[in-house]
């Protein structure tokens, strides 16, 4: 049983929950400048993020299992290799979906029913991403919008529908950040996507132009993070701006690593640098709120 659980966590790349969770926590930290902190709210946000992301990722593996089996890059994943059964992954997906919906009731205890009302639509939207490559090159932006929901949902869970311009601005930063690095990641599968009539920006535009689109997405991310400074200042101040400069430098390094004639460092750019960006930005906001400079 422990071995199967470990394989399931490997399948959904559980450690990559940090791509979205830090932004949800940044949104929560800003919301707690307006609302009283409750430990139960923090627990609810973490549980909702973990369950929603796990359900979405597991469902994606189910929806794409036949493509994964045919793609040499993904053929060694757990479902194509038969290391996990389709039934066990379906059970895990359903359990995570139920866990997500159940976790939203923690906010109802504080008198906020919005998370309950929105839980099923959020799950449907996240799950629908798995089919977007069948019909639109905007699949990268659908994925980005799925992660946009993290800071917006965290804010709504704490503050309801008030002052939504703050989490929406942060959410758009997440949208363009995710879309940008997903375009980089999709450059590895250009030939496979073309052969199998799957839609992606690299398959449609080619790698060189796609890298430019990715750069524009990350410029948009920086723009929205800068706009967040003006929307949420105070408490955001000079420490946050210094952190934003560091994020800009890391994104520049990410694009330096990935070149049209050399995609061997895509995984380094995708996993390592983006993990540093998300966790680093959270730490910057924590320090900013503690020091208040």
Protein backbone atom coordinates (compact mmCIF):
# COMPACT_ATOMS: atom_id res chain seq x y z
CA UNK A 1 0.00 0.00 0.00
CA UNK A 2 2.79 2.43 0.88
CA UNK A 3 4.54 1.59 -2.37
CA UNK A 4 1.36 2.31 -4.33
CA UNK A 5 0.84 5.61 -2.54
CA UNK A 6 4.42 6.57 -3.36
CA UNK A 7 3.87 5.75 -7.02
CA UNK A 8 0.66 7.78 -7.11
CA UNK A 9 2.46 10.78 -5.59
CA UNK A 10 5.22 10.33 -8.17
CA UNK A 11 2.64 10.11 -10.95
CA UNK A 12 1.03 13.44 -10.03
CA UNK A 13 4.41 14.96 -9.16
CA UNK A 14 3.13 15.96 -5.76
CA UNK A 15 6.17 18.13 -5.09
CA UNK A 16 5.06 20.43 -7.91
CA UNK A 17 2.14 21.58 -5.79
CA UNK A 18 4.56 24.37 -4.88
CA UNK A 19 3.93 25.91 -8.31
CA UNK A 20 0.49 27.10 -7.20
CA UNK A 21 0.37 26.87 -3.40
CA UNK A 22 2.79 29.77 -2.72
CA UNK A 23 0.64 32.12 -4.79
CA UNK A 24 -2.47 31.05 -2.92
CA UNK A 25 -0.61 31.76 0.32
CA UNK A 26 0.55 35.17 -0.95
CA UNK A 27 -3.09 36.00 -1.66
CA UNK A 28 -4.06 34.75 1.80
CA UNK A 29 -1.34 36.85 3.46
CA UNK A 30 -2.66 39.96 1.74
CA UNK A 31 -6.23 39.02 2.68
CA UNK A 32 -5.21 38.63 6.32
CA UNK A 33 -4.23 42.28 6.31
CA UNK A 34 -7.97 42.91 6.07
CA UNK A 35 -9.37 39.90 7.93
CA UNK A 36 -8.56 38.24 11.24
CA UNK A 37 -6.22 35.28 10.91
CA UNK A 38 -7.80 31.90 11.66
CA UNK A 39 -5.73 28.72 11.73
CA UNK A 40 -8.70 26.80 10.31
CA UNK A 41 -8.63 29.05 7.24
CA UNK A 42 -4.96 28.27 6.64
CA UNK A 43 -5.65 24.54 6.97
CA UNK A 44 -8.58 24.89 4.56
CA UNK A 45 -6.49 26.70 1.94
CA UNK A 46 -3.72 24.11 2.07
CA UNK A 47 -6.13 21.18 1.92
CA UNK A 48 -8.10 22.68 -0.97
CA UNK A 49 -4.92 23.39 -2.92
CA UNK A 50 -3.49 19.92 -2.40
CA UNK A 51 -6.74 18.11 -3.22
CA UNK A 52 -7.62 20.26 -6.25
CA UNK A 53 -4.16 20.03 -7.77
CA UNK A 54 -3.93 16.27 -7.10
CA UNK A 55 -7.37 15.64 -8.64
CA UNK A 56 -6.53 17.71 -11.70
CA UNK A 57 -3.15 16.09 -12.24
CA UNK A 58 -4.43 12.55 -11.77
CA UNK A 59 -7.30 13.20 -14.18
CA UNK A 60 -4.81 14.59 -16.69
CA UNK A 61 -2.80 11.38 -16.51
CA UNK A 62 -5.99 9.38 -17.13
CA UNK A 63 -7.09 11.53 -20.06
CA UNK A 64 -3.65 11.49 -21.70
CA UNK A 65 -2.60 7.91 -20.95
CA UNK A 66 -2.86 6.75 -24.58
CA UNK A 67 -0.88 9.74 -25.87
CA UNK A 68 1.66 9.25 -23.07
CA UNK A 69 2.13 5.63 -24.13
CA UNK A 70 2.82 6.67 -27.74
CA UNK A 71 5.18 9.52 -26.88
CA UNK A 72 8.78 8.36 -26.24
CA UNK A 73 9.28 11.19 -23.75
CA UNK A 74 6.34 10.08 -21.57
CA UNK A 75 6.12 6.35 -22.32
CA UNK A 76 7.74 5.45 -19.00
CA UNK A 77 5.06 7.13 -16.90
CA UNK A 78 3.19 4.95 -14.42
CA UNK A 79 -0.02 4.30 -16.36
CA UNK A 80 1.60 3.47 -19.73
CA UNK A 81 4.04 1.15 -17.92
CA UNK A 82 1.23 -0.59 -16.04
CA UNK A 83 2.73 0.30 -12.67
CA UNK A 84 -0.66 1.70 -11.64
CA UNK A 85 -4.06 0.51 -12.79
CA UNK A 86 -6.57 2.83 -14.39
CA UNK A 87 -9.08 1.91 -11.67
CA UNK A 88 -6.72 2.86 -8.84
CA UNK A 89 -6.02 6.24 -10.43
CA UNK A 90 -9.74 6.85 -10.93
CA UNK A 91 -10.35 6.04 -7.26
CA UNK A 92 -7.56 8.43 -6.25
CA UNK A 93 -8.97 11.16 -8.50
CA UNK A 94 -12.47 10.76 -7.07
CA UNK A 95 -11.15 10.73 -3.50
CA UNK A 96 -9.23 13.97 -4.09
CA UNK A 97 -12.28 15.61 -5.67
CA UNK A 98 -14.41 14.66 -2.67
CA UNK A 99 -11.65 15.82 -0.34
CA UNK A 100 -11.54 19.19 -2.10
CA UNK A 101 -15.28 19.73 -1.82
CA UNK A 102 -15.29 18.60 1.81
CA UNK A 103 -12.44 21.00 2.63
CA UNK A 104 -14.48 23.98 1.45
CA UNK A 105 -16.87 23.37 4.34
CA UNK A 106 -14.14 24.65 6.68
CA UNK A 107 -14.86 28.14 5.35
CA UNK A 108 -18.60 27.62 5.74
CA UNK A 109 -17.94 27.19 9.46
CA UNK A 110 -16.74 30.81 9.45
CA UNK A 111 -19.89 31.93 7.65
CA UNK A 112 -18.51 32.03 4.09
CA UNK A 113 -20.47 29.74 1.70
CA UNK A 114 -18.74 30.92 -1.51
CA UNK A 115 -16.06 28.18 -1.55
CA UNK A 116 -18.79 25.51 -1.39
CA UNK A 117 -20.77 27.12 -4.22
CA UNK A 118 -17.70 27.39 -6.45
CA UNK A 119 -16.05 24.05 -5.66
CA UNK A 120 -17.67 21.95 -8.39
CA UNK A 121 -17.27 24.58 -11.17
CA UNK A 122 -13.60 24.91 -10.21
CA UNK A 123 -13.08 21.14 -10.46
CA UNK A 124 -14.81 21.00 -13.84
CA UNK A 125 -12.68 23.85 -15.20
CA UNK A 126 -9.45 22.28 -13.97
CA UNK A 127 -10.41 18.87 -15.35
CA UNK A 128 -11.41 20.31 -18.73
CA UNK A 129 -7.83 21.44 -19.30
CA UNK A 130 -6.84 17.84 -19.99
CA UNK A 131 -8.81 17.91 -23.26
CA UNK A 132 -7.86 21.36 -24.53
CA UNK A 133 -4.88 20.14 -26.58
CA UNK A 134 -7.41 18.29 -28.72
CA UNK A 135 -8.86 21.52 -30.10
CA UNK A 136 -7.01 24.75 -29.26
CA UNK A 137 -3.47 26.13 -29.14
CA UNK A 138 -4.64 28.21 -26.18
CA UNK A 139 -4.33 25.12 -23.98
CA UNK A 140 -1.32 26.74 -22.27
CA UNK A 141 -3.48 29.67 -21.22
CA UNK A 142 -6.25 27.35 -20.00
CA UNK A 143 -3.67 25.72 -17.74
CA UNK A 144 -2.56 29.17 -16.61
CA UNK A 145 -6.14 30.13 -15.86
CA UNK A 146 -6.54 26.94 -13.81
CA UNK A 147 -3.68 28.11 -11.60
CA UNK A 148 -5.03 31.68 -11.66
CA UNK A 149 -7.88 30.27 -9.61
CA UNK A 150 -5.51 29.53 -6.71
CA UNK A 151 -4.93 33.10 -5.46
CA UNK A 152 -8.45 34.19 -6.42
CA UNK A 153 -10.05 31.27 -4.59
CA UNK A 154 -7.88 31.80 -1.51
CA UNK A 155 -8.96 35.44 -1.36
CA UNK A 156 -12.65 34.61 -1.82
CA UNK A 157 -12.39 31.98 0.93
CA UNK A 158 -11.17 34.67 3.34
CA UNK A 159 -12.75 37.92 2.14
CA UNK A 160 -15.69 36.87 0.01
CA UNK A 161 -16.22 38.95 -3.11
CA UNK A 162 -14.74 42.22 -1.80
CA UNK A 163 -11.68 43.95 -3.32
CA UNK A 164 -11.23 41.25 -5.95
CA UNK A 165 -8.92 43.46 -8.02
CA UNK A 166 -6.00 42.40 -5.77
CA UNK A 167 -6.25 38.61 -6.18
CA UNK A 168 -7.28 38.93 -9.83
CA UNK A 169 -4.14 40.97 -10.56
CA UNK A 170 -2.02 38.35 -8.80
CA UNK A 171 -3.97 35.64 -10.63
CA UNK A 172 -3.17 37.14 -14.04
CA UNK A 173 0.50 37.16 -13.07
CA UNK A 174 0.18 33.43 -12.35
CA UNK A 175 -1.72 32.86 -15.61
CA UNK A 176 1.02 34.36 -17.79
CA UNK A 177 3.80 32.78 -15.73
CA UNK A 178 2.31 29.29 -16.14
CA UNK A 179 1.42 29.79 -19.81
CA UNK A 180 4.96 31.00 -20.49
CA UNK A 181 6.74 28.05 -18.94
CA UNK A 182 4.19 25.55 -20.32
CA UNK A 183 4.97 26.82 -23.82
CA UNK A 184 8.66 26.20 -23.11
CA UNK A 185 7.85 22.69 -21.90
CA UNK A 186 5.69 21.94 -24.95
CA UNK A 187 8.62 22.70 -27.26
CA UNK A 188 9.90 19.21 -26.46
CA UNK A 189 6.86 17.59 -28.13
CA UNK A 190 6.56 19.59 -31.35
CA UNK A 191 6.95 16.66 -33.73
CA UNK A 192 4.77 14.33 -31.67
CA UNK A 193 2.00 16.93 -31.40
CA UNK A 194 2.06 17.54 -35.14
CA UNK A 195 1.97 13.82 -35.93
CA UNK A 196 -0.97 13.26 -33.57
CA UNK A 197 -2.87 16.44 -34.46
CA UNK A 198 -2.54 17.85 -30.97
CA UNK A 199 -2.74 21.60 -30.60
CA UNK A 200 0.00 23.66 -28.99
CA UNK A 201 1.67 26.95 -29.72
CA UNK A 202 5.05 25.31 -30.53
CA UNK A 203 3.35 22.84 -32.89
CA UNK A 204 1.57 25.71 -34.67
CA UNK A 205 4.22 28.45 -34.64
CA UNK A 206 7.47 26.51 -34.38
CA UNK A 207 10.02 26.62 -31.57
CA UNK A 208 11.79 29.97 -32.28
CA UNK A 209 8.57 32.00 -32.42
CA UNK A 210 7.10 30.10 -29.48
CA UNK A 211 10.07 31.09 -27.33
CA UNK A 212 9.26 34.72 -28.13
CA UNK A 213 5.62 34.19 -27.15
CA UNK A 214 6.82 32.64 -23.89
CA UNK A 215 9.03 35.68 -23.25
CA UNK A 216 6.06 38.00 -23.82
CA UNK A 217 4.01 35.97 -21.35
CA UNK A 218 6.69 36.37 -18.70
CA UNK A 219 6.96 40.09 -19.40
CA UNK A 220 3.21 40.26 -18.80
CA UNK A 221 3.72 38.39 -15.52
CA UNK A 222 6.23 41.00 -14.37
CA UNK A 223 3.80 43.73 -15.39
CA UNK A 224 0.98 42.28 -13.30
CA UNK A 225 3.27 41.73 -10.31
CA UNK A 226 4.29 45.38 -10.58
CA UNK A 227 0.64 46.41 -10.78
CA UNK A 228 0.03 44.37 -7.63
CA UNK A 229 2.51 46.61 -5.82
CA UNK A 230 0.35 49.64 -6.53
CA UNK A 231 -2.91 47.83 -5.73
CA UNK A 232 -1.70 46.37 -2.44
CA UNK A 233 0.69 49.08 -1.19
CA UNK A 234 0.73 49.22 1.74
CA UNK A 235 1.61 46.58 2.89
CA UNK A 236 3.78 45.83 -0.15
CA UNK A 237 6.87 48.03 -0.33
CA UNK A 238 10.55 48.14 -1.25
CA UNK A 239 11.33 44.58 -0.18
CA UNK A 240 8.62 43.33 -2.53
CA UNK A 241 10.05 45.43 -5.38
CA UNK A 242 13.52 44.02 -4.72
CA UNK A 243 12.02 40.54 -4.88
CA UNK A 244 10.32 41.42 -8.15
CA UNK A 245 13.70 42.38 -9.58
CA UNK A 246 15.04 38.96 -8.56
CA UNK A 247 12.06 37.24 -10.21
CA UNK A 248 12.75 39.19 -13.41
CA UNK A 249 16.39 38.08 -13.36
CA UNK A 250 15.39 34.43 -12.83
CA UNK A 251 12.96 34.55 -15.74
CA UNK A 252 15.69 36.05 -17.91
CA UNK A 253 17.98 33.20 -16.91
CA UNK A 254 15.24 30.69 -17.70
CA UNK A 255 14.94 32.01 -21.24
CA UNK A 256 18.70 32.07 -21.63
CA UNK A 257 18.78 28.35 -20.81
CA UNK A 258 16.23 27.35 -23.48
CA UNK A 259 17.24 28.05 -27.06
CA UNK A 260 15.68 27.02 -30.38
CA UNK A 261 18.60 24.72 -31.20
CA UNK A 262 19.07 23.40 -27.65
CA UNK A 263 16.10 22.14 -25.64
CA UNK A 264 18.17 19.89 -23.37
CA UNK A 265 17.80 22.27 -20.42
CA UNK A 266 14.02 22.67 -20.57
CA UNK A 267 13.48 20.52 -17.49
CA UNK A 268 16.02 22.56 -15.52
CA UNK A 269 14.22 25.76 -16.53
CA UNK A 270 10.76 24.29 -15.97
CA UNK A 271 11.17 22.62 -12.60
CA UNK A 272 14.09 24.22 -10.78
CA UNK A 273 13.83 27.89 -11.66
CA UNK A 274 10.06 28.10 -11.48
CA UNK A 275 10.08 26.40 -8.10
CA UNK A 276 12.54 29.02 -6.85
CA UNK A 277 10.35 31.80 -8.27
CA UNK A 278 7.14 30.66 -6.58
CA UNK A 279 8.64 29.86 -3.17
CA UNK A 280 10.95 32.88 -3.33
CA UNK A 281 8.11 35.29 -4.01
CA UNK A 282 6.18 33.90 -1.05
CA UNK A 283 9.19 34.37 1.23
CA UNK A 284 9.66 37.92 -0.04
CA UNK A 285 6.05 38.80 0.82
CA UNK A 286 6.41 37.21 4.27
CA UNK A 287 9.53 39.27 4.97
CA UNK A 288 7.83 42.37 3.61
CA UNK A 289 4.85 41.96 5.91
CA UNK A 290 7.06 41.28 8.93
CA UNK A 291 9.39 44.22 8.38
CA UNK A 292 6.86 46.58 6.76
CA UNK A 293 9.41 48.70 4.85
